[in-house]
Protein backbone atom coordinates (compact mmCIF):
# COMPACT_ATOMS: atom_id res chain seq x y z
CA LYS A 1 -13.99 -125.21 -207.60
CA THR A 2 -11.08 -126.11 -205.33
CA ILE A 3 -8.49 -128.83 -205.22
CA ARG A 4 -6.40 -130.07 -202.31
CA LEU A 5 -2.87 -129.91 -203.68
CA GLY A 6 -1.32 -131.13 -200.47
CA SER A 7 -2.18 -132.31 -197.00
CA TRP A 8 -0.48 -132.77 -193.63
CA SER A 9 -1.28 -135.74 -191.40
CA PRO A 10 -0.14 -135.00 -187.83
CA ARG A 11 -0.90 -138.56 -186.73
CA ASN A 12 1.40 -140.04 -189.37
CA ARG A 13 3.68 -136.99 -189.60
CA LEU A 14 3.24 -137.23 -193.36
CA ILE A 15 2.84 -134.71 -196.16
CA ARG A 16 0.87 -135.90 -199.18
CA ILE A 17 1.06 -134.15 -202.54
CA HIS A 18 -1.64 -134.37 -205.22
CA PRO A 19 -0.47 -136.45 -208.22
CA ALA A 20 -1.39 -133.58 -210.57
CA LEU A 21 1.73 -131.81 -209.33
CA ASP A 22 3.87 -134.58 -210.86
CA ASP A 23 2.97 -133.28 -214.32
CA LYS A 24 6.02 -132.00 -216.22
CA ASN A 25 4.20 -128.72 -216.90
CA VAL A 26 3.95 -127.86 -213.20
CA PRO A 27 6.84 -125.57 -212.29
CA ASP A 28 9.14 -126.60 -209.46
CA PHE A 29 8.34 -123.40 -207.56
CA VAL A 30 4.70 -124.53 -207.25
CA LEU A 31 5.69 -127.87 -205.75
CA ARG A 32 8.17 -126.15 -203.37
CA PHE A 33 5.46 -123.76 -202.23
CA VAL A 34 2.88 -126.53 -201.64
CA VAL A 35 5.40 -128.50 -199.57
CA PHE A 36 6.24 -125.34 -197.60
CA HIS A 37 2.51 -124.72 -197.00
CA GLU A 38 2.08 -128.24 -195.59
CA MET A 39 5.23 -127.91 -193.47
CA LEU A 40 3.71 -124.76 -191.97
CA HIS A 41 0.71 -126.83 -190.90
CA ALA A 42 3.13 -129.09 -189.04
CA MET A 43 4.77 -126.09 -187.35
CA VAL A 44 1.76 -123.89 -186.61
CA GLY A 45 -0.93 -126.49 -185.99
CA ALA A 46 -4.59 -125.57 -185.58
CA SER A 47 -6.27 -122.93 -183.48
CA GLU A 48 -9.54 -123.65 -181.70
CA GLN A 49 -12.25 -121.04 -182.15
CA GLY A 50 -15.26 -122.25 -180.24
CA SER A 51 -16.06 -125.73 -181.51
CA ARG A 52 -14.12 -125.20 -184.76
CA LYS A 53 -10.50 -125.85 -185.61
CA VAL A 54 -8.99 -123.14 -187.78
CA TYR A 55 -5.95 -124.13 -189.81
CA HIS A 56 -5.33 -121.00 -191.87
CA THR A 57 -5.05 -118.41 -189.13
CA ARG A 58 -3.70 -114.88 -189.61
CA ASP A 59 -0.37 -116.05 -188.24
CA PHE A 60 -0.32 -118.96 -190.69
CA ARG A 61 -1.09 -116.65 -193.64
CA LYS A 62 1.61 -114.16 -192.58
CA ARG A 63 4.21 -116.92 -192.44
CA GLU A 64 3.02 -118.40 -195.74
CA GLN A 65 3.40 -115.07 -197.51
CA LYS A 66 7.07 -114.94 -196.51
CA HIS A 67 7.86 -117.80 -198.88
CA PRO A 68 9.90 -116.37 -201.79
CA ASP A 69 7.63 -118.01 -204.39
CA TYR A 70 4.34 -117.19 -202.65
CA ALA A 71 2.91 -114.68 -205.16
CA GLN A 72 4.21 -116.52 -208.22
CA ALA A 73 2.94 -119.92 -207.01
CA GLU A 74 -0.48 -118.62 -205.99
CA ALA A 75 -0.84 -116.88 -209.37
CA TRP A 76 0.19 -120.03 -211.26
CA ILE A 77 -2.27 -122.16 -209.29
CA GLN A 78 -5.12 -119.72 -209.97
CA ASP A 79 -4.21 -119.48 -213.67
CA HIS A 80 -4.18 -123.27 -214.01
CA LEU A 81 -6.98 -124.16 -211.60
CA GLU A 82 -9.30 -125.49 -214.29
CA ALA A 83 -6.64 -127.86 -215.63
CA LEU A 84 -5.80 -129.00 -212.10
CA LEU A 85 -9.49 -129.62 -211.35
CA ASN A 86 -9.82 -131.71 -214.50
CA TRP A 87 -6.77 -133.82 -213.72
């Protein structure tokens, strides 16, 4: 029930974007937000909690929500999740 729309590779210093976001029906603000989200991973990194690495910490989420398209992009992704999953 989830899809990885983007990823950050610290080793390669590379952001990857899911090809579904190339579709002409995906608004630009969604792509901008996904790239921003992955750039945050590069900036914030991971936090170690015991033997686990946590990537979406409170600090990460606070920063993410400051993006001007945060609410609109999250809503669009949720509204179109089924189509994205079937891509």
